[in-house]
PDB file of N, CA and C in Angstrom:
ATOM      1  N   MET A   1     373.422  66.240 168.680  1.00  0.00           N
ATOM      2  CA  MET A   1     372.376  67.522 168.152  1.00  0.00           C
ATOM      3  C   MET A   1     372.010  68.199 169.390  1.00  0.00           C
ATOM      4  N   SER A   2     371.536  69.376 168.800  1.00  0.00           N
ATOM      5  CA  SER A   2     370.965  70.382 170.089  1.00  0.00           C
ATOM      6  C   SER A   2     369.505  69.965 169.536  1.00  0.00           C
ATOM      7  N   GLY A   3     368.907  70.478 171.080  1.00  0.00           N
ATOM      8  CA  GLY A   3     367.295  70.378 171.154  1.00  0.00           C
ATOM      9  C   GLY A   3     366.418  70.968 169.916  1.00  0.00           C
ATOM     10  N   VAL A   4     367.085  72.167 169.689  1.00  0.00           N
ATOM     11  CA  VAL A   4     366.425  72.961 168.350  1.00  0.00           C
ATOM     12  C   VAL A   4     366.542  71.859 167.114  1.00  0.00           C
ATOM     13  N   LEU A   5     367.317  71.304 166.755  1.00  0.00           N
ATOM     14  CA  LEU A   5     367.725  70.914 165.679  1.00  0.00           C
ATOM     15  C   LEU A   5     366.969  69.425 165.411  1.00  0.00           C
ATOM     16  N   TRP A   6     366.918  68.794 166.962  1.00  0.00           N
ATOM     17  CA  TRP A   6     366.174  67.559 166.754  1.00  0.00           C
ATOM     18  C   TRP A   6     364.939  67.894 166.801  1.00  0.00           C
ATOM     19  N   GLN A   7     364.326  68.784 167.148  1.00  0.00           N
ATOM     20  CA  GLN A   7     363.035  69.487 167.121  1.00  0.00           C
ATOM     21  C   GLN A   7     362.566  69.512 165.671  1.00  0.00           C
ATOM     22  N   MET A   8     363.073  70.042 164.860  1.00  0.00           N
ATOM     23  CA  MET A   8     363.120  70.110 163.607  1.00  0.00           C
ATOM     24  C   MET A   8     363.109  69.024 162.855  1.00  0.00           C
ATOM     25  N   VAL A   9     364.440  67.805 162.865  1.00  0.00           N
ATOM     26  CA  VAL A   9     364.215  66.858 162.394  1.00  0.00           C
ATOM     27  C   VAL A   9     362.936  66.312 162.497  1.00  0.00           C
ATOM     28  N   ASP A  10     362.636  65.951 163.874  1.00  0.00           N
ATOM     29  CA  ASP A  10     361.124  65.078 164.458  1.00  0.00           C
ATOM     30  C   ASP A  10     360.264  65.817 163.681  1.00  0.00           C
ATOM     31  N   HIS A  11     360.394  67.277 163.646  1.00  0.00           N
ATOM     32  CA  HIS A  11     358.789  67.815 162.940  1.00  0.00           C
ATOM     33  C   HIS A  11     358.882  67.394 161.346  1.00  0.00           C
ATOM     34  N   ARG A  12     359.790  67.051 160.700  1.00  0.00           N
ATOM     35  CA  ARG A  12     360.015  66.822 159.245  1.00  0.00           C
ATOM     36  C   ARG A  12     359.450  65.149 159.229  1.00  0.00           C
ATOM     37  N   PHE A  13     359.807  64.689 160.207  1.00  0.00           N
ATOM     38  CA  PHE A  13     359.717  62.988 160.185  1.00  0.00           C
ATOM     39  C   PHE A  13     358.428  62.977 160.639  1.00  0.00           C
ATOM     40  N   THR A  14     357.433  63.509 161.537  1.00  0.00           N
ATOM     41  CA  THR A  14     356.211  63.487 161.869  1.00  0.00           C
ATOM     42  C   THR A  14     355.342  63.995 160.690  1.00  0.00           C
ATOM     43  N   LYS A  15     355.888  64.694 160.097  1.00  0.00           N
ATOM     44  CA  LYS A  15     354.778  65.318 158.623  1.00  0.00           C
ATOM     45  C   LYS A  15     355.057  64.075 157.414  1.00  0.00           C
ATOM     46  N   ALA A  16     356.250  63.972 157.395  1.00  0.00           N
ATOM     47  CA  ALA A  16     356.094  62.817 156.535  1.00  0.00           C
ATOM     48  C   ALA A  16     355.416  61.671 156.805  1.00  0.00           C
ATOM     49  N   HIS A  17     355.482  61.071 157.839  1.00  0.00           N
ATOM     50  CA  HIS A  17     354.947  59.658 158.396  1.00  0.00           C
ATOM     51  C   HIS A  17     353.792  60.012 159.256  1.00  0.00           C
ATOM     52  N   ALA A  18     352.881  61.006 159.163  1.00  0.00           N
ATOM     53  CA  ALA A  18     351.415  61.136 159.710  1.00  0.00           C
ATOM     54  C   ALA A  18     350.818  60.033 159.269  1.00  0.00           C
ATOM     55  N   SER A  19     350.647  59.677 158.106  1.00  0.00           N
ATOM     56  CA  SER A  19     349.774  58.806 157.875  1.00  0.00           C
ATOM     57  C   SER A  19     349.829  57.064 158.220  1.00  0.00           C
ATOM     58  N   GLU A  20     351.097  56.993 157.727  1.00  0.00           N
ATOM     59  CA  GLU A  20     351.813  55.832 158.422  1.00  0.00           C
ATOM     60  C   GLU A  20     351.599  55.698 160.036  1.00  0.00           C
ATOM     61  N   TYR A  21     351.386  56.500 160.784  1.00  0.00           N
ATOM     62  CA  TYR A  21     351.529  56.623 162.013  1.00  0.00           C
ATOM     63  C   TYR A  21     349.621  56.157 162.556  1.00  0.00           C
ATOM     64  N   LEU A  22     349.078  56.914 161.701  1.00  0.00           N
ATOM     65  CA  LEU A  22     347.560  56.526 162.103  1.00  0.00           C
ATOM     66  C   LEU A  22     346.923  55.360 161.728  1.00  0.00           C
ATOM     67  N   ASP A  23     347.690  54.792 160.211  1.00  0.00           N
ATOM     68  CA  ASP A  23     347.590  53.680 159.888  1.00  0.00           C
ATOM     69  C   ASP A  23     348.084  52.434 160.713  1.00  0.00           C
ATOM     70  N   GLY A  24     348.845  52.597 162.139  1.00  0.00           N
ATOM     71  CA  GLY A  24     349.537  51.946 162.808  1.00  0.00           C
ATOM     72  C   GLY A  24     350.833  51.106 161.942  1.00  0.00           C
ATOM     73  N   GLU A  25     351.311  51.721 160.976  1.00  0.00           N
ATOM     74  CA  GLU A  25     352.182  50.964 160.170  1.00  0.00           C
ATOM     75  C   GLU A  25     353.749  51.062 160.664  1.00  0.00           C
ATOM     76  N   LEU A  26     353.997  52.063 161.706  1.00  0.00           N
ATOM     77  CA  LEU A  26     355.265  52.469 162.258  1.00  0.00           C
ATOM     78  C   LEU A  26     355.888  51.384 163.351  1.00  0.00           C
ATOM     79  N   SER A  27     357.023  51.236 163.246  1.00  0.00           N
ATOM     80  CA  SER A  27     357.855  50.622 164.263  1.00  0.00           C
ATOM     81  C   SER A  27     357.531  51.071 165.808  1.00  0.00           C
ATOM     82  N   PRO A  28     357.580  50.482 166.636  1.00  0.00           N
ATOM     83  CA  PRO A  28     357.447  51.089 168.140  1.00  0.00           C
ATOM     84  C   PRO A  28     358.395  52.257 168.534  1.00  0.00           C
ATOM     85  N   PRO A  29     359.430  52.289 168.069  1.00  0.00           N
ATOM     86  CA  PRO A  29     360.034  53.537 168.193  1.00  0.00           C
ATOM     87  C   PRO A  29     359.918  54.650 167.335  1.00  0.00           C
ATOM     88  N   GLU A  30     359.350  54.445 165.780  1.00  0.00           N
ATOM     89  CA  GLU A  30     358.724  55.244 165.535  1.00  0.00           C
ATOM     90  C   GLU A  30     357.686  56.040 165.759  1.00  0.00           C
ATOM     91  N   ARG A  31     356.699  55.121 166.220  1.00  0.00           N
ATOM     92  CA  ARG A  31     355.537  55.580 166.952  1.00  0.00           C
ATOM     93  C   ARG A  31     355.916  56.434 168.219  1.00  0.00           C
ATOM     94  N   GLU A  32     356.796  56.330 168.961  1.00  0.00           N
ATOM     95  CA  GLU A  32     357.131  56.873 170.223  1.00  0.00           C
ATOM     96  C   GLU A  32     357.736  58.204 169.580  1.00  0.00           C
ATOM     97  N   ARG A  33     358.509  58.012 168.422  1.00  0.00           N
ATOM     98  CA  ARG A  33     359.005  59.607 168.048  1.00  0.00           C
ATOM     99  C   ARG A  33     358.112  60.554 167.739  1.00  0.00           C
ATOM    100  N   VAL A  34     357.036  59.792 167.058  1.00  0.00           N
ATOM    101  CA  VAL A  34     355.739  61.012 166.703  1.00  0.00           C
ATOM    102  C   VAL A  34     355.166  61.143 167.878  1.00  0.00           C
ATOM    103  N   GLU A  35     354.826  60.477 168.860  1.00  0.00           N
ATOM    104  CA  GLU A  35     353.917  60.687 170.080  1.00  0.00           C
ATOM    105  C   GLU A  35     354.918  61.665 170.777  1.00  0.00           C
ATOM    106  N   ARG A  36     355.993  61.510 171.142  1.00  0.00           N
ATOM    107  CA  ARG A  36     357.009  62.538 171.908  1.00  0.00           C
ATOM    108  C   ARG A  36     356.857  64.039 170.999  1.00  0.00           C
ATOM    109  N   HIS A  37     357.012  63.925 169.669  1.00  0.00           N
ATOM    110  CA  HIS A  37     356.940  64.798 169.153  1.00  0.00           C
ATOM    111  C   HIS A  37     355.621  66.064 169.306  1.00  0.00           C
ATOM    112  N   THR A  38     354.446  65.103 168.857  1.00  0.00           N
ATOM    113  CA  THR A  38     353.318  66.056 169.082  1.00  0.00           C
ATOM    114  C   THR A  38     352.880  66.170 170.396  1.00  0.00           C
ATOM    115  N   SER A  39     353.778  65.702 171.022  1.00  0.00           N
ATOM    116  CA  SER A  39     353.357  66.513 172.759  1.00  0.00           C
ATOM    117  C   SER A  39     353.635  67.619 172.916  1.00  0.00           C
ATOM    118  N   VAL A  40     354.643  68.097 172.101  1.00  0.00           N
ATOM    119  CA  VAL A  40     355.223  69.412 172.173  1.00  0.00           C
ATOM    120  C   VAL A  40     355.054  70.342 170.834  1.00  0.00           C
ATOM    121  N   CYS A  41     354.573  69.828 169.902  1.00  0.00           N
ATOM    122  CA  CYS A  41     354.445  70.668 168.553  1.00  0.00           C
ATOM    123  C   CYS A  41     352.960  70.848 168.298  1.00  0.00           C
ATOM    124  N   PRO A  42     352.412  71.779 168.535  1.00  0.00           N
ATOM    125  CA  PRO A  42     350.822  71.943 168.159  1.00  0.00           C
ATOM    126  C   PRO A  42     350.603  71.849 166.602  1.00  0.00           C
ATOM    127  N   LYS A  43     351.608  72.523 165.685  1.00  0.00           N
ATOM    128  CA  LYS A  43     351.256  72.014 164.134  1.00  0.00           C
ATOM    129  C   LYS A  43     351.216  70.600 163.856  1.00  0.00           C
ATOM    130  N   CYS A  44     351.759  70.033 164.465  1.00  0.00           N
ATOM    131  CA  CYS A  44     351.795  68.539 163.912  1.00  0.00           C
ATOM    132  C   CYS A  44     350.725  67.885 164.856  1.00  0.00           C
ATOM    133  N   ARG A  45     350.404  68.145 166.119  1.00  0.00           N
ATOM    134  CA  ARG A  45     349.599  67.762 166.884  1.00  0.00           C
ATOM    135  C   ARG A  45     347.984  67.970 165.804  1.00  0.00           C
ATOM    136  N   ALA A  46     347.904  69.256 165.451  1.00  0.00           N
ATOM    137  CA  ALA A  46     346.891  69.611 164.462  1.00  0.00           C
ATOM    138  C   ALA A  46     346.645  68.787 163.312  1.00  0.00           C
ATOM    139  N   LEU A  47     347.671  68.356 162.622  1.00  0.00           N
ATOM    140  CA  LEU A  47     348.001  67.747 161.361  1.00  0.00           C
ATOM    141  C   LEU A  47     347.376  66.393 161.576  1.00  0.00           C
ATOM    142  N   LEU A  48     347.645  65.659 162.556  1.00  0.00           N
ATOM    143  CA  LEU A  48     347.135  64.445 162.719  1.00  0.00           C
ATOM    144  C   LEU A  48     346.012  64.550 163.065  1.00  0.00           C
ATOM    145  N   ALA A  49     345.504  65.457 163.905  1.00  0.00           N
ATOM    146  CA  ALA A  49     343.645  65.719 164.217  1.00  0.00           C
ATOM    147  C   ALA A  49     342.996  65.855 162.929  1.00  0.00           C
ATOM    148  N   SER A  50     343.560  66.397 161.997  1.00  0.00           N
ATOM    149  CA  SER A  50     342.980  67.038 160.818  1.00  0.00           C
ATOM    150  C   SER A  50     342.953  65.539 160.127  1.00  0.00           C
ATOM    151  N   LEU A  51     343.982  64.881 159.777  1.00  0.00           N
ATOM    152  CA  LEU A  51     343.933  63.413 159.179  1.00  0.00           C
ATOM    153  C   LEU A  51     343.044  62.720 160.150  1.00  0.00           C
ATOM    154  N   ARG A  52     343.022  62.435 161.225  1.00  0.00           N
ATOM    155  CA  ARG A  52     341.883  61.283 161.820  1.00  0.00           C
ATOM    156  C   ARG A  52     340.598  61.998 161.485  1.00  0.00           C
ATOM    157  N   ARG A  53     340.176  63.291 161.208  1.00  0.00           N
ATOM    158  CA  ARG A  53     339.082  63.618 161.177  1.00  0.00           C
ATOM    159  C   ARG A  53     338.468  63.462 159.669  1.00  0.00           C
ATOM    160  N   MET A  54     339.733  63.526 158.591  1.00  0.00           N
ATOM    161  CA  MET A  54     339.193  63.012 157.334  1.00  0.00           C
ATOM    162  C   MET A  54     339.006  61.542 157.318  1.00  0.00           C
ATOM    163  N   ILE A  55     339.925  60.570 157.869  1.00  0.00           N
ATOM    164  CA  ILE A  55     339.962  59.379 157.899  1.00  0.00           C
ATOM    165  C   ILE A  55     338.405  58.881 158.304  1.00  0.00           C
ATOM    166  N   GLU A  56     337.935  59.426 159.567  1.00  0.00           N
ATOM    167  CA  GLU A  56     336.611  59.177 160.040  1.00  0.00           C
ATOM    168  C   GLU A  56     335.278  60.051 159.293  1.00  0.00           C
ATOM    169  N   THR A  57     335.389  60.742 158.299  1.00  0.00           N
ATOM    170  CA  THR A  57     334.759  61.400 157.591  1.00  0.00           C
ATOM    171  C   THR A  57     334.569  60.885 155.706  1.00  0.00           C
ATOM    172  N   LEU A  58     335.480  60.514 155.623  1.00  0.00           N
ATOM    173  CA  LEU A  58     335.419  59.703 154.206  1.00  0.00           C
ATOM    174  C   LEU A  58     334.517  58.490 154.139  1.00  0.00           C
ATOM    175  N   PRO A  59     334.388  57.632 154.768  1.00  0.00           N
ATOM    176  CA  PRO A  59     333.455  56.220 154.747  1.00  0.00           C
ATOM    177  C   PRO A  59     331.690  56.912 154.831  1.00  0.00           C
ATOM    178  N   THR A  60     331.884  58.109 155.261  1.00  0.00           N
ATOM    179  CA  THR A  60     330.334  58.766 155.522  1.00  0.00           C
ATOM    180  C   THR A  60     329.979  59.335 153.961  1.00  0.00           C
ATOM    181  N   LEU A  61     330.940  59.468 153.259  1.00  0.00           N
ATOM    182  CA  LEU A  61     330.406  60.259 151.893  1.00  0.00           C
ATOM    183  C   LEU A  61     329.745  59.300 151.104  1.00  0.00           C
ATOM    184  N   ALA A  62     328.720  59.703 150.831  1.00  0.00           N
ATOM    185  CA  ALA A  62     327.979  58.600 149.342  1.00  0.00           C
ATOM    186  C   ALA A  62     328.453  58.970 148.389  1.00  0.00           C
ATOM    187  N   ALA A  63     329.063  57.884 147.672  1.00  0.00           N
ATOM    188  CA  ALA A  63     329.615  57.575 146.420  1.00  0.00           C
ATOM    189  C   ALA A  63     328.760  57.418 145.541  1.00  0.00           C
ATOM    190  N   GLN A  64     328.344  58.317 144.808  1.00  0.00           N
ATOM    191  CA  GLN A  64     326.896  58.641 144.091  1.00  0.00           C
ATOM    192  C   GLN A  64     327.589  58.953 142.636  1.00  0.00           C
ATOM    193  N   PRO A  65     327.842  57.565 141.702  1.00  0.00           N
ATOM    194  CA  PRO A  65     328.018  58.056 140.438  1.00  0.00           C
ATOM    195  C   PRO A  65     327.462  59.503 139.798  1.00  0.00           C
ATOM    196  N   ARG A  66     328.143  60.323 138.915  1.00  0.00           N
ATOM    197  CA  ARG A  66     327.174  61.173 138.582  1.00  0.00           C
ATOM    198  C   ARG A  66     326.821  60.707 136.965  1.00  0.00           C
ATOM    199  N   PRO A  67     325.791  60.927 136.449  1.00  0.00           N
ATOM    200  CA  PRO A  67     325.412  60.854 135.269  1.00  0.00           C
ATOM    201  C   PRO A  67     326.297  61.635 134.295  1.00  0.00           C
ATOM    202  N   SER A  68     326.123  60.609 132.981  1.00  0.00           N
ATOM    203  CA  SER A  68     327.377  61.219 132.018  1.00  0.00           C
ATOM    204  C   SER A  68     326.379  62.187 131.288  1.00  0.00           C
ATOM    205  N   VAL A  69     327.182  63.153 130.868  1.00  0.00           N
ATOM    206  CA  VAL A  69     326.522  64.308 130.166  1.00  0.00           C
ATOM    207  C   VAL A  69     325.165  63.899 128.697  1.00  0.00           C
ATOM    208  N   GLU A  70     326.239  62.667 127.975  1.00  0.00           N
ATOM    209  CA  GLU A  70     325.262  61.910 127.259  1.00  0.00           C
ATOM    210  C   GLU A  70     324.153  61.415 127.747  1.00  0.00           C
ATOM    211  N   ALA A  71     324.255  60.894 128.867  1.00  0.00           N
ATOM    212  CA  ALA A  71     323.049  60.211 129.611  1.00  0.00           C
ATOM    213  C   ALA A  71     321.809  61.373 130.175  1.00  0.00           C
ATOM    214  N   GLY A  72     322.626  62.365 130.436  1.00  0.00           N
ATOM    215  CA  GLY A  72     321.631  63.633 130.834  1.00  0.00           C
ATOM    216  C   GLY A  72     320.785  64.078 129.568  1.00  0.00           C
ATOM    217  N   VAL A  73     321.511  64.220 128.067  1.00  0.00           N
ATOM    218  CA  VAL A  73     320.993  64.923 127.165  1.00  0.00           C
ATOM    219  C   VAL A  73     319.688  63.966 126.612  1.00  0.00           C
ATOM    220  N   LEU A  74     320.108  62.783 126.652  1.00  0.00           N
ATOM    221  CA  LEU A  74     319.471  61.746 126.233  1.00  0.00           C
ATOM    222  C   LEU A  74     317.786  61.837 127.052  1.00  0.00           C
ATOM    223  N   ALA A  75     318.186  62.074 128.355  1.00  0.00           N
ATOM    224  CA  ALA A  75     317.071  61.630 129.099  1.00  0.00           C
ATOM    225  C   ALA A  75     316.013  63.048 128.764  1.00  0.00           C
ATOM    226  N   ARG A  76     316.839  64.095 128.814  1.00  0.00           N
ATOM    227  CA  ARG A  76     316.010  65.359 128.399  1.00  0.00           C
ATOM    228  C   ARG A  76     315.231  65.267 127.242  1.00  0.00           C
ATOM    229  N   LEU A  77     316.169  64.737 126.176  1.00  0.00           N
ATOM    230  CA  LEU A  77     315.401  64.391 124.609  1.00  0.00           C
ATOM    231  C   LEU A  77     314.282  63.467 124.993  1.00  0.00           C
ATOM    232  N   ARG A  78     314.159  62.522 125.713  1.00  0.00           N
ATOM    233  CA  ARG A  78     313.212  61.477 125.848  1.00  0.00           C
ATOM    234  C   ARG A  78     312.042  62.473 126.451  1.00  0.00           C
ATOM    235  N   ARG A  79     312.448  63.164 127.755  1.00  0.00           N
ATOM    236  CA  ARG A  79     311.306  63.672 128.609  1.00  0.00           C
ATOM    237  C   ARG A  79     310.412  64.929 127.526  1.00  0.00           C
ATOM    238  N   ASP A  80     311.532  65.421 126.985  1.00  0.00           N
ATOM    239  CA  ASP A  80     310.834  66.777 126.130  1.00  0.00           C
ATOM    240  C   ASP A  80     310.318  66.443 124.633  1.00  0.00           C
ATOM    241  N   GLY A  81     310.918  65.539 124.286  1.00  0.00           N
ATOM    242  CA  GLY A  81     310.888  65.166 122.798  1.00  0.00           C
ATOM    243  C   GLY A  81     309.388  64.432 122.644  1.00  0.00           C
TER     244      GLY A  81
END
């Protein structure tokens, strides 16, 4: 295969397996393939950076349940009633 064709194939592979790469779920040859590709592809490098930021940010988001509409209406009725 020509270099350009390999680049396109590796581009699709990297996009399809970016999460597995970051989770450490790829085999050593697959990891090397992603790393080799991202060393020359700014789009895939940016994709991995974006996914890393998301993974780092998610735990910091407070998971606060929103009150139900019913609970809010009842609270207002009790308060104003």
